[in-house]
Structures are given as C-alpha cells and as structure tokens.
Amino acid sequence: MALLFLAILVTAAISNLVHADIGTASYYNPPYIPTKCDGDREEQFPPGNLFVAVSEGLWDNGAACGRRYRLRCLSGPKRPCKRRTIDVKVVDFCPFTPCPSTIMLSRDAFAAIAHKHGRKINIEYIQ
C-alpha cells in the first residue's frame, strides 16, 4: 500500500513538471497605467497587485490579457527564491524593447516570490 501511494505521488509530481514552462522574470516599476489590456482602468489590477506584463512569446496579439499564470522562482543570483508559488494576472505587454524577460512582474509580485538581490530570476510557470 505504501508503495502504491509513493507511485501516485511521483506520478503527480512528474505530470506537474511536464506541463510547466521555464522562463525568466524581472520586475518593473510604476506607473503601471495605461496598460495595453485595459488602459487606465484601476479595476484591472488583482488584489495584492500580483500582476504581470508579458513578452512577445506569451502576448499572442493581445489574447494574453486577463490570463492567469501560477509561477515560482527557481533560481537567480545570491539565492533570491522564496519557497512559494503565486498566481498572477496578465494586464500588459512588456514595456521595454527588447523585453528583458519572459514575464515582467509588478514589484509586489516579484517581492512575493523573490528577495530583491537582483532584477532577474529563473521561473517556472503554468497557465
């Protein structure tokens, strides 16, 4: 019975890893509005300001607006990662050209998963 339980746990862990994508994340500073998704509407921002702007690869010609991602920090300079995942909402297209990361986090979102030792971290994310 214990072996069956262990097999189920291992299978669940592997299936979660298979569907996740790996990328990089940085943070950007206010002002956050206007955004490419909802302009000047303050209501677009989720509680806790856990929102992101995405790079061209995730933008999908604006279809990314409102998408939710679960992400976690994997690594970065000086061991920045906190041991937690966060759920974020896409509210904008990356404000920089070229975009320095796969996902640009609000300052609050970055602080929720990493210590600010650096500006760029490696992340795992899933929609």
N, C-alpha and C. Protein backbone atom coordinates (compact mmCIF):
# COMPACT_ATOMS: atom_id res chain seq x y z
N MET A 1 0.82 -1.19 0.00
CA MET A 1 0.00 0.00 0.00
C MET A 1 0.87 1.26 0.00
N ALA A 2 1.92 1.27 0.80
CA ALA A 2 2.82 2.42 0.86
C ALA A 2 3.50 2.63 -0.49
N LEU A 3 3.84 1.54 -1.17
CA LEU A 3 4.48 1.63 -2.48
C LEU A 3 3.53 2.25 -3.51
N LEU A 4 2.27 1.87 -3.46
CA LEU A 4 1.26 2.44 -4.36
C LEU A 4 1.11 3.94 -4.12
N PHE A 5 1.05 4.33 -2.87
CA PHE A 5 0.94 5.75 -2.52
C PHE A 5 2.14 6.53 -3.03
N LEU A 6 3.34 5.99 -2.87
CA LEU A 6 4.56 6.63 -3.36
C LEU A 6 4.53 6.76 -4.88
N ALA A 7 4.06 5.74 -5.57
CA ALA A 7 3.97 5.77 -7.03
C ALA A 7 3.01 6.87 -7.49
N ILE A 8 1.91 7.02 -6.78
CA ILE A 8 0.94 8.07 -7.12
C ILE A 8 1.55 9.45 -6.91
N LEU A 9 2.27 9.64 -5.82
CA LEU A 9 2.92 10.93 -5.56
C LEU A 9 3.96 11.26 -6.62
N VAL A 10 4.77 10.29 -7.00
CA VAL A 10 5.79 10.52 -8.02
C VAL A 10 5.15 10.85 -9.36
N THR A 11 4.11 10.13 -9.73
CA THR A 11 3.39 10.39 -10.98
C THR A 11 2.80 11.79 -10.99
N ALA A 12 2.20 12.21 -9.89
CA ALA A 12 1.62 13.55 -9.80
C ALA A 12 2.70 14.62 -9.93
N ALA A 13 3.82 14.41 -9.28
CA ALA A 13 4.92 15.38 -9.36
C ALA A 13 5.46 15.48 -10.77
N ILE A 14 5.63 14.37 -11.43
CA ILE A 14 6.15 14.38 -12.80
C ILE A 14 5.15 15.03 -13.74
N SER A 15 3.88 14.74 -13.60
CA SER A 15 2.88 15.34 -14.51
C SER A 15 2.80 16.85 -14.33
N ASN A 16 3.01 17.36 -13.13
CA ASN A 16 3.03 18.81 -12.92
C ASN A 16 4.23 19.44 -13.59
N LEU A 17 5.37 18.78 -13.56
CA LEU A 17 6.57 19.32 -14.18
C LEU A 17 6.49 19.29 -15.70
N VAL A 18 5.85 18.31 -16.26
CA VAL A 18 5.78 18.17 -17.70
C VAL A 18 5.03 19.33 -18.33
N HIS A 19 4.02 19.84 -17.69
CA HIS A 19 3.18 20.88 -18.26
C HIS A 19 3.67 22.29 -17.98
N ALA A 20 4.63 22.47 -17.13
CA ALA A 20 5.13 23.80 -16.78
C ALA A 20 6.17 24.26 -17.80
N ASP A 21 6.23 25.57 -17.99
CA ASP A 21 7.24 26.17 -18.85
C ASP A 21 8.29 26.84 -17.98
N ILE A 22 9.47 27.00 -18.54
CA ILE A 22 10.58 27.64 -17.85
C ILE A 22 10.88 28.95 -18.57
N GLY A 23 11.14 30.00 -17.81
CA GLY A 23 11.47 31.28 -18.41
C GLY A 23 12.21 32.15 -17.41
N THR A 24 12.25 33.43 -17.71
CA THR A 24 12.89 34.39 -16.81
C THR A 24 11.87 35.45 -16.41
N ALA A 25 12.14 36.08 -15.29
CA ALA A 25 11.27 37.15 -14.81
C ALA A 25 12.10 38.28 -14.24
N SER A 26 11.63 39.49 -14.46
CA SER A 26 12.19 40.70 -13.88
C SER A 26 11.01 41.47 -13.32
N TYR A 27 11.27 42.60 -12.68
CA TYR A 27 10.15 43.42 -12.25
C TYR A 27 10.26 44.79 -12.90
N TYR A 28 9.10 45.44 -12.97
CA TYR A 28 9.07 46.80 -13.50
C TYR A 28 8.37 47.70 -12.50
N ASN A 29 8.64 48.97 -12.63
CA ASN A 29 8.17 49.95 -11.65
C ASN A 29 6.98 50.75 -12.16
N PRO A 30 6.19 51.31 -11.24
CA PRO A 30 5.09 52.19 -11.64
C PRO A 30 5.62 53.41 -12.38
N PRO A 31 4.79 54.10 -13.11
CA PRO A 31 3.34 53.92 -13.21
C PRO A 31 3.00 52.70 -14.07
N TYR A 32 1.99 51.96 -13.66
CA TYR A 32 1.57 50.77 -14.37
C TYR A 32 0.46 51.06 -15.38
N ILE A 33 -0.12 52.23 -15.33
CA ILE A 33 -1.16 52.57 -16.28
C ILE A 33 -0.73 53.74 -17.14
N PRO A 34 -1.19 53.79 -18.37
CA PRO A 34 -2.16 52.89 -19.00
C PRO A 34 -1.51 51.57 -19.41
N THR A 35 -2.33 50.52 -19.48
CA THR A 35 -1.87 49.21 -19.94
C THR A 35 -2.42 48.96 -21.34
N LYS A 36 -1.83 47.99 -22.01
CA LYS A 36 -2.31 47.59 -23.34
C LYS A 36 -3.61 46.80 -23.25
N CYS A 37 -3.93 46.25 -22.08
CA CYS A 37 -5.14 45.45 -21.95
C CYS A 37 -6.37 46.29 -21.62
N ASP A 38 -6.30 47.08 -20.56
CA ASP A 38 -7.49 47.82 -20.11
C ASP A 38 -7.22 49.29 -19.86
N GLY A 39 -6.22 49.84 -20.52
CA GLY A 39 -5.98 51.27 -20.45
C GLY A 39 -5.78 51.80 -19.04
N ASP A 40 -6.61 52.76 -18.66
CA ASP A 40 -6.48 53.45 -17.37
C ASP A 40 -7.36 52.86 -16.26
N ARG A 41 -8.03 51.76 -16.50
CA ARG A 41 -8.96 51.18 -15.51
C ARG A 41 -8.20 50.58 -14.33
N GLU A 42 -8.40 51.15 -13.16
CA GLU A 42 -7.76 50.63 -11.93
C GLU A 42 -8.28 49.23 -11.57
N GLU A 43 -9.51 48.91 -11.98
CA GLU A 43 -10.14 47.63 -11.63
C GLU A 43 -9.44 46.43 -12.28
N GLN A 44 -8.59 46.68 -13.25
CA GLN A 44 -7.91 45.58 -13.93
C GLN A 44 -6.88 44.88 -13.06
N PHE A 45 -6.42 45.57 -12.01
CA PHE A 45 -5.37 45.01 -11.17
C PHE A 45 -5.95 44.12 -10.08
N PRO A 46 -5.43 42.90 -9.95
CA PRO A 46 -5.96 41.97 -8.95
C PRO A 46 -5.53 42.35 -7.53
N PRO A 47 -6.19 41.79 -6.54
CA PRO A 47 -5.82 42.06 -5.14
C PRO A 47 -4.36 41.70 -4.89
N GLY A 48 -3.70 42.52 -4.11
CA GLY A 48 -2.30 42.29 -3.80
C GLY A 48 -1.35 42.74 -4.88
N ASN A 49 -1.89 43.31 -5.96
CA ASN A 49 -1.08 43.76 -7.10
C ASN A 49 -0.19 42.67 -7.67
N LEU A 50 -0.73 41.45 -7.71
CA LEU A 50 0.02 40.33 -8.29
C LEU A 50 -0.33 40.25 -9.78
N PHE A 51 0.33 41.09 -10.56
CA PHE A 51 0.06 41.15 -12.00
C PHE A 51 1.38 41.20 -12.76
N VAL A 52 1.27 40.97 -14.08
CA VAL A 52 2.45 40.91 -14.93
C VAL A 52 2.19 41.53 -16.29
N ALA A 53 3.29 41.87 -16.94
CA ALA A 53 3.31 42.19 -18.36
C ALA A 53 4.10 41.06 -19.02
N VAL A 54 3.70 40.66 -20.21
CA VAL A 54 4.36 39.52 -20.85
C VAL A 54 5.09 39.93 -22.12
N SER A 55 6.07 39.11 -22.48
CA SER A 55 6.86 39.35 -23.69
C SER A 55 6.10 38.86 -24.92
N GLU A 56 6.67 39.11 -26.06
CA GLU A 56 6.05 38.76 -27.35
C GLU A 56 5.64 37.29 -27.40
N GLY A 57 6.46 36.40 -26.87
CA GLY A 57 6.16 34.97 -26.92
C GLY A 57 4.87 34.57 -26.22
N LEU A 58 4.46 35.30 -25.21
CA LEU A 58 3.22 35.00 -24.48
C LEU A 58 2.08 35.95 -24.84
N TRP A 59 2.38 37.08 -25.46
CA TRP A 59 1.39 38.13 -25.72
C TRP A 59 0.26 37.65 -26.62
N ASP A 60 0.56 36.91 -27.65
CA ASP A 60 -0.45 36.31 -28.52
C ASP A 60 -1.39 37.37 -29.10
N ASN A 61 -0.81 38.46 -29.63
CA ASN A 61 -1.58 39.56 -30.23
C ASN A 61 -2.67 40.10 -29.31
N GLY A 62 -2.39 40.12 -28.02
CA GLY A 62 -3.33 40.67 -27.05
C GLY A 62 -4.25 39.65 -26.41
N ALA A 63 -4.27 38.43 -26.92
CA ALA A 63 -5.13 37.39 -26.34
C ALA A 63 -4.69 37.02 -24.93
N ALA A 64 -3.47 37.39 -24.55
CA ALA A 64 -2.97 37.10 -23.20
C ALA A 64 -3.65 37.93 -22.12
N CYS A 65 -4.29 39.03 -22.49
CA CYS A 65 -4.94 39.90 -21.50
C CYS A 65 -5.91 39.10 -20.62
N GLY A 66 -5.72 39.21 -19.32
CA GLY A 66 -6.58 38.52 -18.38
C GLY A 66 -6.17 37.09 -18.05
N ARG A 67 -5.24 36.53 -18.80
CA ARG A 67 -4.79 35.17 -18.49
C ARG A 67 -4.19 35.13 -17.10
N ARG A 68 -4.29 33.98 -16.49
CA ARG A 68 -3.72 33.77 -15.16
C ARG A 68 -2.61 32.74 -15.27
N TYR A 69 -1.53 33.00 -14.56
CA TYR A 69 -0.42 32.07 -14.50
C TYR A 69 -0.06 31.81 -13.05
N ARG A 70 0.33 30.59 -12.77
CA ARG A 70 0.91 30.24 -11.48
C ARG A 70 2.41 30.14 -11.72
N LEU A 71 3.17 30.84 -10.90
CA LEU A 71 4.62 30.79 -11.12
C LEU A 71 5.36 30.70 -9.81
N ARG A 72 6.61 30.23 -9.95
CA ARG A 72 7.50 30.14 -8.80
C ARG A 72 8.92 30.42 -9.25
N CYS A 73 9.68 30.95 -8.35
CA CYS A 73 11.09 31.24 -8.58
C CYS A 73 11.89 29.94 -8.50
N LEU A 74 12.78 29.74 -9.47
CA LEU A 74 13.64 28.56 -9.46
C LEU A 74 15.06 28.88 -9.01
N SER A 75 15.60 30.00 -9.51
CA SER A 75 16.98 30.34 -9.19
C SER A 75 17.29 31.77 -9.62
N GLY A 76 18.45 32.23 -9.20
CA GLY A 76 18.90 33.56 -9.56
C GLY A 76 20.14 33.90 -8.75
N PRO A 77 20.68 35.11 -8.94
CA PRO A 77 21.87 35.50 -8.20
C PRO A 77 21.62 35.59 -6.69
N LYS A 78 22.54 35.11 -5.91
CA LYS A 78 22.50 35.19 -4.44
C LYS A 78 21.28 34.51 -3.82
N ARG A 79 20.83 33.42 -4.42
CA ARG A 79 19.71 32.63 -3.88
C ARG A 79 18.49 33.49 -3.53
N PRO A 80 17.84 34.07 -4.52
CA PRO A 80 16.75 35.01 -4.25
C PRO A 80 15.40 34.37 -3.94
N CYS A 81 15.25 33.09 -4.22
CA CYS A 81 13.91 32.49 -4.21
C CYS A 81 13.32 32.30 -2.83
N LYS A 82 12.03 32.64 -2.74
CA LYS A 82 11.22 32.30 -1.57
C LYS A 82 10.50 31.02 -1.92
N ARG A 83 10.18 30.23 -0.94
CA ARG A 83 9.55 28.92 -1.18
C ARG A 83 8.04 29.04 -1.25
N ARG A 84 7.54 29.58 -2.37
CA ARG A 84 6.10 29.67 -2.55
C ARG A 84 5.79 29.90 -4.02
N THR A 85 4.56 29.67 -4.38
CA THR A 85 4.08 29.99 -5.71
C THR A 85 3.10 31.14 -5.59
N ILE A 86 2.91 31.86 -6.69
CA ILE A 86 1.91 32.92 -6.71
C ILE A 86 1.09 32.80 -7.99
N ASP A 87 -0.11 33.32 -7.93
CA ASP A 87 -0.97 33.40 -9.09
C ASP A 87 -1.00 34.85 -9.53
N VAL A 88 -0.74 35.07 -10.82
CA VAL A 88 -0.67 36.42 -11.36
C VAL A 88 -1.63 36.56 -12.54
N LYS A 89 -1.95 37.80 -12.85
CA LYS A 89 -2.85 38.11 -13.97
C LYS A 89 -2.09 38.96 -14.98
N VAL A 90 -2.25 38.65 -16.26
CA VAL A 90 -1.63 39.44 -17.33
C VAL A 90 -2.47 40.69 -17.55
N VAL A 91 -1.82 41.86 -17.43
CA VAL A 91 -2.50 43.14 -17.65
C VAL A 91 -1.85 43.98 -18.74
N ASP A 92 -0.68 43.55 -19.23
CA ASP A 92 0.02 44.42 -20.16
C ASP A 92 1.02 43.65 -21.02
N PHE A 93 1.45 44.31 -22.08
CA PHE A 93 2.56 43.86 -22.92
C PHE A 93 3.83 44.45 -22.31
N CYS A 94 4.93 43.77 -22.44
CA CYS A 94 6.20 44.22 -21.86
C CYS A 94 6.50 45.67 -22.27
N PRO A 95 6.79 46.54 -21.29
CA PRO A 95 7.01 47.94 -21.59
C PRO A 95 8.39 48.28 -22.17
N PHE A 96 9.25 47.28 -22.37
CA PHE A 96 10.60 47.51 -22.86
C PHE A 96 10.83 46.80 -24.19
N THR A 97 11.65 47.40 -25.05
CA THR A 97 12.01 46.79 -26.31
C THR A 97 13.52 46.75 -26.42
N PRO A 98 14.13 45.57 -26.51
CA PRO A 98 13.50 44.26 -26.38
C PRO A 98 13.16 43.97 -24.92
N CYS A 99 12.22 43.09 -24.73
CA CYS A 99 11.82 42.73 -23.37
C CYS A 99 12.95 41.93 -22.72
N PRO A 100 13.36 42.32 -21.51
CA PRO A 100 14.49 41.63 -20.87
C PRO A 100 14.15 40.26 -20.28
N SER A 101 12.86 39.93 -20.19
CA SER A 101 12.45 38.66 -19.58
C SER A 101 11.20 38.11 -20.26
N THR A 102 10.92 36.86 -19.98
CA THR A 102 9.69 36.24 -20.47
C THR A 102 8.48 36.94 -19.86
N ILE A 103 8.58 37.21 -18.56
CA ILE A 103 7.49 37.83 -17.81
C ILE A 103 8.06 38.97 -16.98
N MET A 104 7.41 40.12 -17.03
CA MET A 104 7.78 41.27 -16.19
C MET A 104 6.75 41.35 -15.06
N LEU A 105 7.21 41.19 -13.83
CA LEU A 105 6.31 41.19 -12.68
C LEU A 105 6.19 42.60 -12.09
N SER A 106 5.02 42.88 -11.52
CA SER A 106 4.91 44.09 -10.71
C SER A 106 5.89 43.96 -9.55
N ARG A 107 6.24 45.06 -8.94
CA ARG A 107 7.17 44.98 -7.80
C ARG A 107 6.62 44.08 -6.70
N ASP A 108 5.30 44.18 -6.44
CA ASP A 108 4.70 43.35 -5.38
C ASP A 108 4.75 41.87 -5.73
N ALA A 109 4.53 41.53 -6.99
CA ALA A 109 4.59 40.13 -7.40
C ALA A 109 6.01 39.59 -7.27
N PHE A 110 6.99 40.38 -7.68
CA PHE A 110 8.39 39.96 -7.56
C PHE A 110 8.75 39.73 -6.10
N ALA A 111 8.36 40.67 -5.24
CA ALA A 111 8.67 40.57 -3.81
C ALA A 111 8.00 39.37 -3.16
N ALA A 112 6.90 38.90 -3.74
CA ALA A 112 6.19 37.74 -3.17
C ALA A 112 6.94 36.43 -3.39
N ILE A 113 7.76 36.35 -4.45
CA ILE A 113 8.46 35.09 -4.73
C ILE A 113 9.98 35.17 -4.64
N ALA A 114 10.52 36.39 -4.55
CA ALA A 114 11.99 36.50 -4.52
C ALA A 114 12.43 37.70 -3.70
N HIS A 115 13.62 37.55 -3.13
CA HIS A 115 14.27 38.67 -2.47
C HIS A 115 14.90 39.53 -3.55
N LYS A 116 14.96 40.80 -3.36
CA LYS A 116 15.44 41.70 -4.41
C LYS A 116 16.97 41.82 -4.43
N HIS A 117 17.65 40.67 -4.49
CA HIS A 117 19.11 40.69 -4.62
C HIS A 117 19.51 41.07 -6.05
N GLY A 118 18.67 40.73 -6.98
CA GLY A 118 18.93 41.02 -8.38
C GLY A 118 17.62 41.38 -9.05
N ARG A 119 17.68 41.68 -10.30
CA ARG A 119 16.47 42.06 -11.01
C ARG A 119 15.95 40.94 -11.89
N LYS A 120 16.70 39.87 -12.07
CA LYS A 120 16.27 38.81 -12.98
C LYS A 120 16.39 37.45 -12.30
N ILE A 121 15.32 36.67 -12.42
CA ILE A 121 15.30 35.33 -11.83
C ILE A 121 14.82 34.33 -12.88
N ASN A 122 15.08 33.08 -12.63
CA ASN A 122 14.55 32.00 -13.46
C ASN A 122 13.27 31.51 -12.80
N ILE A 123 12.25 31.29 -13.63
CA ILE A 123 10.95 30.90 -13.10
C ILE A 123 10.40 29.68 -13.82
N GLU A 124 9.43 29.06 -13.16
CA GLU A 124 8.59 28.02 -13.75
C GLU A 124 7.19 28.58 -13.73
N TYR A 125 6.46 28.44 -14.84
CA TYR A 125 5.11 28.99 -14.88
C TYR A 125 4.17 28.08 -15.67
N ILE A 126 2.91 28.14 -15.31
CA ILE A 126 1.88 27.34 -15.96
C ILE A 126 0.59 28.15 -15.98
N GLN A 127 -0.11 28.05 -17.09
CA GLN A 127 -1.38 28.80 -17.21
C GLN A 127 -2.48 28.07 -16.46
